[in-house]
Protein backbone atom coordinates (compact mmCIF):
# COMPACT_ATOMS: atom_id res chain seq x y z
CA MET A 1 131.30 99.53 126.46
CA ASN A 2 130.73 102.93 128.09
CA ALA A 3 127.87 103.62 130.47
CA ARG A 4 125.88 105.63 127.91
CA ALA A 5 125.98 102.83 125.33
CA ALA A 6 125.03 100.30 127.98
CA GLY A 7 122.09 102.47 129.00
CA VAL A 8 120.86 102.71 125.40
CA ARG A 9 121.05 98.94 125.05
CA ARG A 10 119.10 98.44 128.27
CA PHE A 11 116.43 100.86 127.09
CA LEU A 12 116.12 99.24 123.66
CA GLY A 13 116.02 95.79 125.21
CA HIS A 14 113.42 96.57 127.89
CA ARG A 15 110.35 94.33 127.84
CA GLY A 16 108.09 97.32 127.58
CA ALA A 17 109.95 98.86 124.64
CA PRO A 18 107.33 97.75 122.05
CA LEU A 19 104.69 99.71 123.94
CA ALA A 20 106.95 102.75 123.88
CA TRP A 21 107.41 102.34 120.13
CA ALA A 22 103.63 102.14 119.69
CA ALA A 23 103.18 105.37 121.63
CA LEU A 24 105.93 107.02 119.59
CA ALA A 25 104.35 105.96 116.28
CA VAL A 26 101.00 107.40 117.35
CA ALA A 27 102.60 110.64 118.57
CA LEU A 28 104.39 111.13 115.25
CA THR A 29 101.21 110.50 113.22
CA LEU A 30 98.91 112.76 115.26
CA PRO A 31 98.75 115.29 112.38
CA SER A 32 96.45 112.77 110.67
CA LEU A 33 93.70 113.75 113.11
CA ARG A 34 93.17 116.90 111.03
CA VAL A 35 93.11 115.22 107.63
CA GLY A 36 89.35 114.67 107.52
CA LEU A 37 87.71 112.68 104.72
CA VAL A 38 89.59 112.44 101.43
CA MET A 39 89.17 110.58 98.14
CA ASP A 40 87.94 107.00 98.79
CA ASP A 41 86.74 108.05 102.24
CA TRP A 42 83.85 109.88 100.56
CA LEU A 43 82.93 106.72 98.67
CA LEU A 44 82.95 104.69 101.91
CA ARG A 45 80.80 107.30 103.63
CA ALA A 46 78.27 107.39 100.80
CA THR A 47 78.09 103.60 100.75
CA VAL A 48 77.60 103.09 104.48
CA LEU A 49 75.12 105.97 104.82
CA ARG A 50 73.31 105.03 101.55
CA SER A 51 73.45 108.46 99.92
CA PRO A 52 70.09 108.92 98.12
CA ALA A 53 71.68 110.63 95.09
CA LEU A 54 74.00 107.68 94.46
CA ARG A 55 72.08 104.55 95.40
CA ASP A 56 72.17 103.13 91.88
CA ILE A 57 75.97 102.94 91.92
CA LEU A 58 76.69 102.01 95.53
CA ALA A 59 77.94 98.64 96.72
CA ALA A 60 76.28 96.87 99.63
CA PRO A 61 77.13 98.44 103.03
CA GLY A 62 78.97 95.27 104.03
CA ASP A 63 81.03 95.22 100.82
CA LEU A 64 82.70 98.63 100.89
CA PHE A 65 85.74 97.70 98.84
CA ALA A 66 83.89 96.34 95.82
CA LEU A 67 84.88 99.49 93.95
CA ILE A 68 84.03 98.35 90.41
CA ASP A 69 82.01 95.19 89.86
CA ARG A 70 80.02 93.69 87.01
CA HIS A 71 76.70 94.74 88.50
CA ARG A 72 77.47 98.47 88.72
CA ILE A 73 80.15 99.29 86.19
CA ARG A 74 77.69 100.19 83.43
CA SER A 75 75.82 102.56 85.73
CA MET A 76 79.08 104.12 86.93
CA ILE A 77 80.18 104.75 83.35
CA ASP A 78 76.78 106.13 82.41
CA ARG A 79 76.74 108.51 85.37
CA GLY A 80 80.22 109.68 84.40
CA ILE A 81 81.95 108.51 87.57
CA LEU A 82 84.14 106.22 85.49
CA PRO A 83 85.62 107.31 82.13
CA TRP A 84 83.66 106.43 79.01
CA TRP A 85 86.56 104.41 77.57
CA ILE A 86 86.70 101.81 80.34
CA ASP A 87 86.27 98.20 79.27
CA GLU A 88 83.07 96.97 80.90
CA ARG A 89 84.82 93.72 81.77
CA MET A 90 86.98 95.56 84.30
CA ARG A 91 86.71 94.52 87.94
CA ILE A 92 88.29 96.06 91.03
CA ALA A 93 86.59 94.42 93.98
CA PHE A 94 88.34 93.54 97.22
CA TRP A 95 87.07 91.18 99.90
CA ARG A 96 87.79 92.93 103.21
CA PRO A 97 84.91 92.19 105.58
CA LEU A 98 86.84 92.76 108.81
CA THR A 99 88.12 96.15 107.72
CA THR A 100 84.69 96.98 106.31
CA TRP A 101 83.10 96.59 109.71
CA THR A 102 85.61 98.96 111.28
CA HIS A 103 84.32 101.61 108.87
CA VAL A 104 80.70 100.64 109.52
CA LEU A 105 81.45 101.22 113.20
CA ASP A 106 82.85 104.68 112.37
CA TYR A 107 79.74 105.77 110.49
CA SER A 108 77.36 104.16 112.95
CA VAL A 109 78.76 105.76 116.10
CA TRP A 110 80.65 108.94 115.12
CA LYS A 111 79.71 109.58 111.50
CA ASP A 112 80.27 113.34 111.76
CA SER A 113 83.59 113.14 113.59
CA PRO A 114 86.42 112.33 111.18
CA ALA A 115 88.98 113.09 113.90
CA ILE A 116 87.64 110.17 115.96
CA MET A 117 87.78 107.95 112.88
CA HIS A 118 91.43 108.87 112.46
CA GLY A 119 91.98 108.12 116.14
CA HIS A 120 90.48 104.70 115.45
CA SER A 121 93.03 104.15 112.67
CA LEU A 122 95.87 105.25 114.95
CA ALA A 123 94.71 102.67 117.51
CA TRP A 124 95.27 99.99 114.85
CA LEU A 125 98.68 101.51 114.10
CA ALA A 126 99.58 101.28 117.79
CA LEU A 127 98.48 97.64 117.93
CA LEU A 128 100.54 96.86 114.82
CA VAL A 129 103.72 98.54 116.06
CA ALA A 130 103.45 96.89 119.47
CA ALA A 131 102.85 93.47 117.89
CA ALA A 132 105.81 93.98 115.55
CA GLY A 133 107.98 94.93 118.51
CA TYR A 134 107.14 91.73 120.34
CA LEU A 135 107.64 89.70 117.16
CA TYR A 136 111.15 91.13 116.86
CA ARG A 137 111.80 90.24 120.53
CA ARG A 138 110.62 86.71 119.84
CA ILE A 139 112.83 86.12 116.79
CA SER A 140 115.81 88.49 116.96
CA ALA A 141 118.52 88.44 119.61
CA PRO A 142 119.91 90.03 121.69
CA ALA A 143 116.94 91.97 123.05
CA TRP A 144 118.42 95.38 122.27
CA VAL A 145 118.73 94.46 118.58
CA ALA A 146 115.06 93.47 118.61
CA GLY A 147 114.28 96.79 120.27
CA LEU A 148 116.21 98.64 117.58
CA ALA A 149 114.21 96.81 114.89
CA GLY A 150 110.96 97.79 116.63
CA LEU A 151 112.06 101.41 116.78
CA LEU A 152 112.99 101.43 113.09
CA TYR A 153 109.59 100.00 112.19
CA ALA A 154 107.74 102.45 114.44
CA VAL A 155 109.25 105.56 112.84
CA ASP A 156 109.24 104.28 109.24
CA ASP A 157 107.78 107.18 107.28
CA ALA A 158 106.56 104.79 104.56
CA HIS A 159 103.70 104.09 107.00
CA GLY A 160 102.60 107.70 107.25
CA PHE A 161 100.22 108.00 104.32
CA ALA A 162 98.30 104.82 105.18
CA ALA A 163 98.09 105.88 108.81
CA GLY A 164 96.60 109.21 107.71
CA TRP A 165 94.14 107.92 105.12
CA LEU A 166 91.05 106.27 106.54
CA ALA A 167 90.40 104.20 103.41
CA ASN A 168 93.88 102.68 103.77
CA ARG A 169 93.19 101.37 107.28
CA ASN A 170 92.94 97.88 105.78
CA VAL A 171 96.71 97.49 105.60
CA LEU A 172 97.11 98.43 109.28
CA VAL A 173 94.54 95.83 110.31
CA ALA A 174 95.93 93.15 107.99
CA THR A 175 99.57 93.63 109.02
CA PHE A 176 98.59 93.54 112.71
CA PHE A 177 96.87 90.16 112.35
CA ALA A 178 99.68 88.89 110.11
CA THR A 179 102.22 89.79 112.80
CA LEU A 180 100.20 87.84 115.38
CA CYS A 181 100.16 84.93 112.92
CA LEU A 182 103.96 84.95 112.64
CA PHE A 183 104.38 85.27 116.41
CA SER A 184 102.08 82.30 117.07
CA HIS A 185 103.62 80.23 114.28
CA ASP A 186 107.16 80.74 115.56
CA ARG A 187 106.19 79.93 119.13
CA TRP A 188 104.47 76.76 117.96
CA ARG A 189 107.24 75.55 115.66
CA ARG A 190 110.28 76.37 117.79
CA HIS A 191 108.91 76.08 121.33
CA ALA A 192 106.15 73.48 120.92
CA TRP A 193 103.40 75.89 121.99
CA ARG A 194 100.42 73.88 120.83
CA PRO A 195 97.83 76.70 120.77
CA GLY A 196 99.97 78.27 118.04
CA ALA A 197 98.98 75.49 115.64
CA ALA A 198 95.42 76.84 115.69
CA LEU A 199 96.07 80.51 116.40
CA ALA A 200 98.53 81.05 113.52
CA PRO A 201 96.10 80.04 110.74
CA ALA A 202 93.25 81.83 112.55
CA PHE A 203 95.23 85.07 112.62
CA LEU A 204 96.23 84.53 108.99
CA LEU A 205 92.57 84.23 108.02
CA ALA A 206 91.79 87.43 109.91
CA ALA A 207 94.62 89.17 108.05
CA LEU A 208 93.39 87.94 104.66
CA LEU A 209 89.84 89.05 105.47
CA SER A 210 91.23 92.50 106.28
CA SER A 211 93.21 93.05 103.08
CA GLU A 212 94.56 91.07 100.13
CA ALA A 213 97.95 92.55 101.07
CA ALA A 214 98.12 89.85 103.76
CA VAL A 215 99.10 87.36 101.03
CA ALA A 216 102.62 88.60 101.81
CA THR A 217 102.39 86.78 105.15
CA GLY A 218 103.13 83.65 103.16
CA ALA A 219 106.56 85.06 102.32
CA TYR A 220 107.55 85.05 105.99
CA LEU A 221 105.95 81.68 106.72
CA LEU A 222 107.97 80.17 103.87
CA ALA A 223 111.16 81.90 105.01
CA HIS A 224 110.51 80.64 108.54
CA ALA A 225 110.20 77.07 107.31
CA ILE A 226 113.45 77.34 105.37
CA PHE A 227 115.66 79.21 107.85
CA LEU A 228 114.22 78.98 111.38
CA ASP A 229 112.17 75.80 111.70
CA THR A 230 114.36 73.13 113.31
CA ALA A 231 112.30 70.12 112.18
CA GLY A 232 113.17 67.94 109.22
CA ILE A 233 111.81 68.62 105.75
CA ARG A 234 108.68 66.60 106.41
CA GLY A 235 108.08 68.38 109.70
CA ARG A 236 108.53 71.79 108.09
CA LEU A 237 105.99 70.98 105.41
CA VAL A 238 103.56 69.76 108.07
CA GLY A 239 104.16 73.02 109.94
CA LEU A 240 103.07 75.02 106.90
CA LEU A 241 100.01 72.88 106.25
CA PRO A 242 97.46 74.64 108.52
CA SER A 243 98.23 78.12 107.17
CA ALA A 244 98.47 76.82 103.60
CA THR A 245 95.04 75.21 103.97
CA VAL A 246 93.50 78.43 105.24
CA ALA A 247 95.14 80.48 102.48
CA SER A 248 93.97 78.04 99.80
CA ALA A 249 90.41 78.05 101.12
CA TRP A 250 90.47 81.86 101.20
CA LEU A 251 91.76 82.04 97.61
CA VAL A 252 89.13 79.63 96.28
CA THR A 253 86.35 81.50 98.08
CA HIS A 254 87.77 84.85 96.99
CA ARG A 255 87.61 83.83 93.34
CA TRP A 256 84.27 82.04 93.68
CA LEU A 257 82.68 85.20 95.09
CA GLY A 258 84.03 87.19 92.15
CA TYR A 259 86.55 89.36 93.98
CA GLY A 260 89.86 90.57 92.62
CA ALA A 261 91.16 92.84 89.89
CA LEU A 262 90.56 92.02 86.24
CA ASP A 263 91.44 94.04 83.13
CA ALA A 264 92.56 96.83 85.46
CA SER A 265 96.19 97.14 84.37
CA PRO A 266 98.27 99.22 85.01
CA LEU A 267 96.47 100.08 88.26
CA TYR A 268 96.27 96.43 89.31
CA VAL A 269 97.63 93.21 87.82
CA ASN A 270 95.79 89.96 88.47
CA PRO A 271 98.52 87.54 89.68
CA VAL A 272 96.52 84.42 88.79
CA ARG A 273 95.11 85.43 85.39
CA GLU A 274 97.95 87.70 84.26
CA PRO A 275 101.18 85.90 85.25
CA VAL A 276 103.21 87.37 82.39
CA GLU A 277 102.21 90.91 83.35
CA LEU A 278 103.05 90.11 86.99
CA ALA A 279 106.51 88.85 85.98
CA ARG A 280 107.13 92.05 84.06
CA ALA A 281 105.91 94.12 86.98
CA LEU A 282 108.16 92.18 89.35
CA VAL A 283 111.26 92.85 87.25
CA GLU A 284 110.43 96.52 86.82
CA ARG A 285 108.82 97.42 90.14
CA GLY A 286 110.61 95.04 92.50
CA PRO A 287 113.92 96.93 92.65
CA ILE A 288 112.08 100.26 92.88
CA LEU A 289 110.08 99.07 95.91
CA LEU A 290 113.06 97.54 97.70
CA ALA A 291 115.13 100.67 97.12
CA ALA A 292 112.25 102.80 98.37
CA GLN A 293 112.11 100.76 101.57
CA TRP A 294 115.82 100.86 102.26
CA PHE A 295 116.80 104.29 100.94
CA ARG A 296 113.43 106.08 101.16
CA VAL A 297 113.32 107.38 97.61
CA PRO A 298 109.53 107.56 97.05
CA ALA A 299 108.39 104.65 94.89
CA GLU A 300 105.43 106.57 93.48
CA ALA A 301 107.77 109.11 91.87
CA TYR A 302 108.90 106.39 89.45
CA GLU A 303 105.43 106.22 87.88
CA ARG A 304 105.85 109.79 86.63
CA LEU A 305 109.08 108.99 84.81
CA ALA A 306 109.43 107.75 81.26
CA GLY A 307 112.18 106.77 78.82
CA PRO A 308 115.78 107.44 79.92
CA GLU A 309 114.74 108.90 83.28
CA ALA A 310 112.84 105.74 84.22
CA TRP A 311 115.75 103.55 83.12
CA ALA A 312 118.18 105.65 85.14
CA ARG A 313 116.04 105.34 88.28
CA TRP A 314 115.71 101.58 87.79
CA LEU A 315 119.43 101.06 87.22
CA ALA A 316 120.30 103.25 90.21
CA SER A 317 117.94 101.16 92.37
CA VAL A 318 119.52 97.91 91.20
CA ALA A 319 123.04 99.25 91.80
CA ALA A 320 122.18 100.54 95.28
CA LEU A 321 120.59 97.21 96.23
CA ALA A 322 123.64 95.34 94.91
CA LEU A 323 125.93 97.40 97.16
CA LEU A 324 123.61 96.85 100.09
CA GLY A 325 123.63 93.12 99.38
CA LEU A 326 127.43 93.05 99.47
CA ALA A 327 127.37 94.84 102.81
CA LEU A 328 124.79 92.43 104.22
CA ARG A 329 126.44 89.32 102.85
CA PRO A 330 128.54 88.45 105.94
CA ILE A 331 125.58 88.45 108.31
CA LEU A 332 123.35 86.66 105.81
CA ARG A 333 125.92 83.87 105.58
CA ALA A 334 126.37 83.58 109.33
CA ASP A 335 122.95 84.27 110.86
CA ALA A 336 119.79 82.27 110.12
CA THR A 337 117.61 85.00 111.65
CA ALA A 338 119.09 87.54 109.27
CA ARG A 339 118.37 85.18 106.38
CA PHE A 340 114.78 84.85 107.58
CA TRP A 341 114.22 88.60 107.63
CA GLY A 342 116.08 89.05 104.35
CA ALA A 343 114.23 86.36 102.43
CA GLY A 344 110.89 87.36 103.95
CA HIS A 345 111.09 91.00 102.93
CA VAL A 346 112.29 90.19 99.39
CA LEU A 347 109.53 87.63 98.84
CA ALA A 348 106.98 90.05 100.31
CA VAL A 349 107.69 92.40 97.41
CA VAL A 350 106.13 89.96 94.92
CA PRO A 351 102.44 90.63 95.69
CA VAL A 352 103.12 94.35 96.11
CA THR A 353 104.25 94.63 92.49
CA ALA A 354 100.71 93.76 91.38
CA ALA A 355 99.63 97.34 92.24
CA LEU A 356 100.87 100.74 91.14
CA LEU A 357 104.03 101.76 92.96
CA ASP A 358 103.38 103.48 96.26
CA ASP A 359 105.25 103.61 99.57
CA ARG A 360 102.01 102.90 101.43
CA HIS A 361 102.24 99.29 100.20
CA LEU A 362 105.50 98.65 102.08
CA PHE A 363 104.19 97.56 105.50
CA PHE A 364 104.98 93.87 104.95
CA VAL A 365 108.26 94.57 103.16
CA GLY A 366 109.35 96.87 105.97
CA LEU A 367 108.71 94.22 108.62
CA GLY A 368 111.62 92.11 107.39
CA ALA A 369 113.74 95.01 106.18
CA MET A 370 113.81 96.62 109.64
CA GLY A 371 114.65 93.30 111.30
CA LEU A 372 117.57 92.86 108.91
CA ALA A 373 118.66 96.50 109.17
CA ALA A 374 118.80 96.30 112.96
CA ARG A 375 120.99 93.19 112.82
CA PHE A 376 123.33 94.84 110.32
CA LEU A 377 123.62 98.04 112.35
CA ALA A 378 124.31 96.03 115.49
CA GLY A 379 127.08 94.13 113.75
CA VAL A 380 128.77 97.30 112.55
CA LEU A 381 128.35 99.14 115.85
CA GLU A 382 129.69 96.13 117.77
CA HIS A 383 132.71 95.91 115.41
CA GLU A 384 132.00 92.27 114.61
CA PRO A 385 134.90 90.68 112.66
CA ALA A 386 132.79 90.18 109.55
CA TRP A 387 132.83 93.96 108.99
CA THR A 388 136.26 94.91 110.33
CA ARG A 389 138.50 93.01 107.95
CA PRO A 390 139.65 93.86 105.34
CA ALA A 391 139.82 97.63 105.78
CA TRP A 392 137.75 98.43 102.67
CA ARG A 393 134.87 96.35 104.03
CA ARG A 394 135.02 98.20 107.36
CA VAL A 395 134.90 101.57 105.60
CA ALA A 396 132.08 100.50 103.27
CA ALA A 397 130.00 98.94 106.07
CA THR A 398 130.47 102.00 108.26
CA ALA A 399 129.40 104.32 105.43
CA ILE A 400 126.28 102.26 104.68
CA ALA A 401 125.44 101.99 108.37
CA GLY A 402 125.78 105.75 108.72
CA ALA A 403 123.49 106.28 105.74
CA LEU A 404 120.86 103.91 107.17
CA ILE A 405 120.99 105.64 110.55
CA ALA A 406 120.57 109.02 108.89
CA ILE A 407 117.69 107.80 106.73
CA HIS A 408 115.78 105.64 109.20
CA LEU A 409 116.58 107.05 112.66
CA LEU A 410 117.21 110.74 112.02
CA ALA A 411 115.19 111.71 108.96
CA ALA A 412 112.32 109.22 109.17
CA PRO A 413 110.84 110.56 112.44
CA LEU A 414 110.86 114.04 110.91
CA ARG A 415 109.17 112.87 107.70
CA LEU A 416 106.56 110.66 109.37
CA PRO A 417 104.30 113.50 110.62
CA ILE A 418 104.47 115.10 107.17
CA ALA A 419 103.54 111.81 105.52
CA ALA A 420 100.64 111.32 107.95
CA ALA A 421 99.25 114.74 107.01
CA ALA A 422 99.87 114.24 103.27
CA PRO A 423 96.46 112.68 102.50
CA GLY A 424 94.88 115.99 103.47
CA ALA A 425 96.90 117.94 100.92
CA LEU A 426 96.25 115.36 98.22
CA GLY A 427 92.58 115.33 99.12
CA ARG A 428 92.33 119.09 98.71
CA LEU A 429 93.93 118.75 95.28
CA ILE A 430 91.75 115.84 94.14
CA ASP A 431 88.48 116.56 95.96
CA GLY A 432 88.53 120.34 96.04
CA PRO A 433 87.44 120.92 92.42
CA ALA A 434 84.21 118.99 93.07
CA LEU A 435 83.07 121.79 95.35
CA THR A 436 83.54 124.40 92.62
CA LEU A 437 80.69 123.01 90.50
CA PRO A 438 77.61 125.26 90.33
CA GLU A 439 75.38 125.11 93.39
CA ASP A 440 71.94 125.64 91.85
CA PRO A 441 69.47 122.73 92.23
CA GLU A 442 69.11 122.54 88.43
CA LEU A 443 72.51 120.80 88.37
CA ALA A 444 70.89 117.60 89.68
CA ARG A 445 68.89 117.36 86.42
CA GLN A 446 71.69 118.29 84.04
CA THR A 447 74.54 116.58 82.23
CA VAL A 448 77.82 118.34 83.02
CA VAL A 449 80.18 118.35 80.02
CA ILE A 450 83.90 119.02 80.61
CA PRO A 451 86.32 118.91 77.67
CA LEU A 452 89.50 118.05 79.59
CA VAL A 453 90.68 117.24 83.12
CA PRO A 454 94.19 116.21 84.22
CA GLY A 455 93.26 112.61 85.05
CA PRO A 456 90.39 110.28 86.02
CA GLY A 457 91.07 110.74 89.72
CA PHE A 458 90.03 114.37 89.46
CA PHE A 459 86.45 113.48 88.57
CA PHE A 460 85.98 109.95 89.95
CA TYR A 461 85.22 111.33 93.42
CA THR A 462 83.13 114.30 92.32
CA ALA A 463 79.71 112.78 92.98
CA PHE A 464 80.79 111.25 96.30
CA VAL A 465 82.35 114.47 97.58
CA ARG A 466 79.28 116.51 96.65
CA ALA A 467 76.89 113.97 98.17
CA GLY A 468 78.92 113.96 101.38
CA ALA A 469 78.88 117.76 101.49
CA ASP A 470 75.08 117.87 100.83
CA ARG A 471 75.62 119.66 97.50
CA PRO A 472 73.65 119.00 94.29
CA VAL A 473 75.05 116.02 92.37
CA PRO A 474 74.99 116.18 88.54
CA ALA A 475 72.63 113.73 86.90
CA HIS A 476 75.47 112.75 84.54
CA MET A 477 79.01 113.88 83.78
CA ARG A 478 80.72 113.68 80.40
CA VAL A 479 84.46 114.24 80.67
CA LEU A 480 85.55 114.13 77.05
CA MET A 481 89.26 113.43 77.60
CA THR A 482 91.98 113.17 80.23
CA GLY A 483 95.72 112.77 79.94
CA ALA A 484 96.29 115.27 77.12
CA HIS A 485 98.05 118.59 77.47
CA ALA A 486 95.27 120.10 75.35
CA VAL A 487 92.30 119.09 73.19
CA THR A 488 90.79 120.70 70.12
CA LEU A 489 87.01 120.74 69.79
CA SER A 490 85.58 120.96 66.28
CA ARG A 491 81.81 121.52 66.00
CA LEU A 492 80.55 119.37 63.12
CA ASP A 493 76.85 120.21 63.48
CA ALA A 494 74.35 121.33 66.08
CA ARG A 495 74.85 118.22 68.20
CA THR A 496 78.29 116.82 67.29
CA LEU A 497 81.85 117.49 68.45
CA LEU A 498 85.08 116.05 67.05
CA VAL A 499 87.67 115.88 69.83
CA ARG A 500 91.39 115.64 69.10
CA PRO A 501 93.94 115.27 71.93
CA ALA A 502 96.92 117.51 71.26
CA GLY A 503 100.35 118.26 72.66
CA GLY A 504 101.25 114.78 73.86
CA MET A 505 99.55 112.46 76.35
CA SER A 506 100.38 110.94 79.70
CA PRO A 507 99.64 107.17 79.75
CA LEU A 508 99.15 107.24 83.52
CA ALA A 509 96.77 110.19 83.36
CA LEU A 510 94.76 108.34 80.71
CA LEU A 511 94.20 105.65 83.30
CA PHE A 512 92.33 102.48 82.25
CA TRP A 513 92.84 103.11 78.53
CA ARG A 514 93.90 99.65 77.41
CA ARG A 515 96.34 99.98 74.50
CA ASP A 516 96.06 96.24 73.91
CA ALA A 517 92.23 96.42 73.83
CA PRO A 518 91.04 100.00 73.19
CA PRO A 519 87.40 100.82 72.42
CA PRO A 520 86.71 99.55 68.89
CA VAL A 521 87.18 102.13 66.15
CA GLY A 522 83.92 103.05 64.46
CA ARG A 523 81.67 101.30 66.98
CA PRO A 524 79.64 103.80 69.05
CA ILE A 525 79.57 103.65 72.85
CA ARG A 526 76.03 104.55 73.86
CA LEU A 527 75.43 106.40 77.12
CA THR A 528 72.43 108.36 78.34
CA GLY A 529 72.06 111.36 76.06
CA THR A 530 75.39 110.74 74.33
CA SER A 531 76.95 108.54 71.68
CA ILE A 532 80.75 108.29 71.65
CA GLU A 533 82.76 106.89 68.76
CA VAL A 534 86.53 106.48 68.52
CA ALA A 535 87.25 107.50 64.93
CA ARG A 536 91.02 107.03 64.84
CA LEU A 537 93.90 105.77 66.98
CA THR A 538 97.54 106.81 66.96
CA SER A 539 100.21 104.30 65.93
CA ASP A 540 100.84 103.48 69.60
CA GLY A 541 97.19 102.82 70.37
CA LEU A 542 96.14 106.10 71.98
CA PRO A 543 93.02 108.04 70.92
CA ALA A 544 93.57 110.45 68.05
CA GLU A 545 89.99 111.44 67.16
CA ILE A 546 86.75 110.90 69.08
CA VAL A 547 83.28 111.93 67.94
CA PHE A 548 80.71 112.92 70.58
CA ARG A 549 77.09 113.06 69.43
CA PHE A 550 74.57 114.46 71.90
CA ASP A 551 70.83 113.85 71.76
CA VAL A 552 70.18 117.59 72.05
CA ASP A 553 71.78 120.72 70.68
CA LEU A 554 74.95 121.63 72.51
CA GLU A 555 73.33 124.86 73.76
CA ALA A 556 70.34 123.00 75.26
CA PRO A 557 69.64 123.81 78.94
CA SER A 558 69.96 120.14 79.86
CA LEU A 559 73.72 120.44 79.22
CA ARG A 560 76.00 122.38 81.58
CA TRP A 561 79.38 123.17 79.98
CA LEU A 562 82.35 123.71 82.27
CA ARG A 563 86.10 123.91 81.81
CA TRP A 564 88.92 122.82 84.11
CA GLN A 565 91.18 125.67 85.23
CA TRP A 566 94.23 125.73 87.45
CA HIS A 567 94.23 128.62 89.92
CA GLU A 568 97.07 129.02 92.43
CA GLY A 569 97.87 125.33 92.30
CA GLN A 570 94.25 124.26 92.78
CA GLY A 571 91.87 123.01 90.12
CA ARG A 572 88.43 124.50 89.67
CA TYR A 573 85.60 124.45 87.16
CA VAL A 574 84.55 127.59 85.32
CA PRO A 575 81.79 128.19 82.74
CA PHE A 576 82.57 127.28 79.14
CA SER A 577 80.75 127.76 75.85
CA PRO A 578 81.04 125.12 73.11
CA PRO A 579 82.28 126.30 69.69
CA GLY A 580 79.83 127.36 67.03
CA ILE A 581 79.00 125.13 64.07
CA GLY A 582 82.07 124.90 61.82
CA GLU A 583 84.36 126.39 64.48
CA THR A 584 87.35 124.81 66.25
CA VAL A 585 88.65 125.82 69.67
CA SER A 586 91.55 124.57 71.79
CA VAL A 587 91.15 123.80 75.48
CA GLN A 588 94.12 123.36 77.81
């Protein structure tokens, strides 16, 4: 071993390395300080500060993540914040009291300083990365391999978006407490540290009360019992009992309080009530998520694919993971620690598949993946016999190791600052159009009617953005359709429009339209000032004709007609006139 290599190993293995990795992670995500408030951040702000224009649709200040619940969904649909076609049985309500109070702190102390709020999130990121670094030192050996794992986790660009989006702070908080849980559990089980028997389940509870994503902690606790715990079978089961009791109590309370996602597919799948859908999601999304973690092909890009392109991406992911598995096989057979990290990160994928694919969900998966990757890279770099004979294995292992180094040590630190700033660009795209609505005070007494927008996300935040910017908020919004390339509007009489989507539709853009339970044909949906009736469905269950009947003539001053328009890559609303009686117009 030359002096340079020895120096690198000493640096990676230094006791203070996890603190250095924490500082590095924060330095690389500093661009998030300029992101400001975006998307769900506006909803959190309005809820904590009790925006007067939105009080009828706001959750309690201590329940920020109850996004859609049975008490408010009807009002949210009527106001036009949610699409008219949503099933009123839908629920998307998360129980995150610990994370909630971090946001309450933000808006109580520095409500007009988003940069400080982002600094608060980066403090949680630093705590998480440092805790992960010390967890690697506790479980992986030698120390320089643990240091390499900590470095890989610190610069993982899959963390960037969550670090830069205030509303996603929950996963930082949850993974931090989960890491402390695993640290305490391992110290208790393998070194008889008695406080760990109480601290591990306490930290697990804190993680679960920060985000439902912490369910993935169970994947590592189970893997620990199988591969690292040195007690007999009975002892291992006893070791899991405290955390299992806490998790069970949390789950029962979670359901009893009415939290969770229900009838929200494809955005969220309920693992308990929709096991078949979860199994399908696991088969389809599992390989995509694992490949995204290892090879950094964005998982969210898969959601935009369909047909042969989607199949090709899925098959490529499976093939790449199979090759990686062959490369990892020698160390998985020989090293229990490698098996722990490997099993933990694969099992951690299961709960992640219950949500739409997104790299920001990979914090728990990455924890084990980086521990396993570091062990593999060490084996190849140290020329361990498992990867030197036969020659084809040495060449293959070296090629895969080189690819992982390029992806996770060279490219990832360059991509992480971009990912941390990405919420700002997405926020300008999603939130920006809300600020192009008319500014006259009359808007607060009008119903805004918009024939077509690209997707529900483009209008869901409109009221919250405008309230946060102290702009007039429409009394109601009626977005007639999303997800279509165009719609035709046929004026049947003074107050009635027949809307036909045209040119093909995007199932993801028509979010929350349940093909298995669409709005009943011929049964009107009554909202304030409007009656909506699905007249006909296509053969695959999408809307073909919808009749909108208004309580006033379409030219009445109580209606404000606007049209979505793309301008230099940014959406905006411009004035629009409805067709005359007997006329048909097309809107794109």
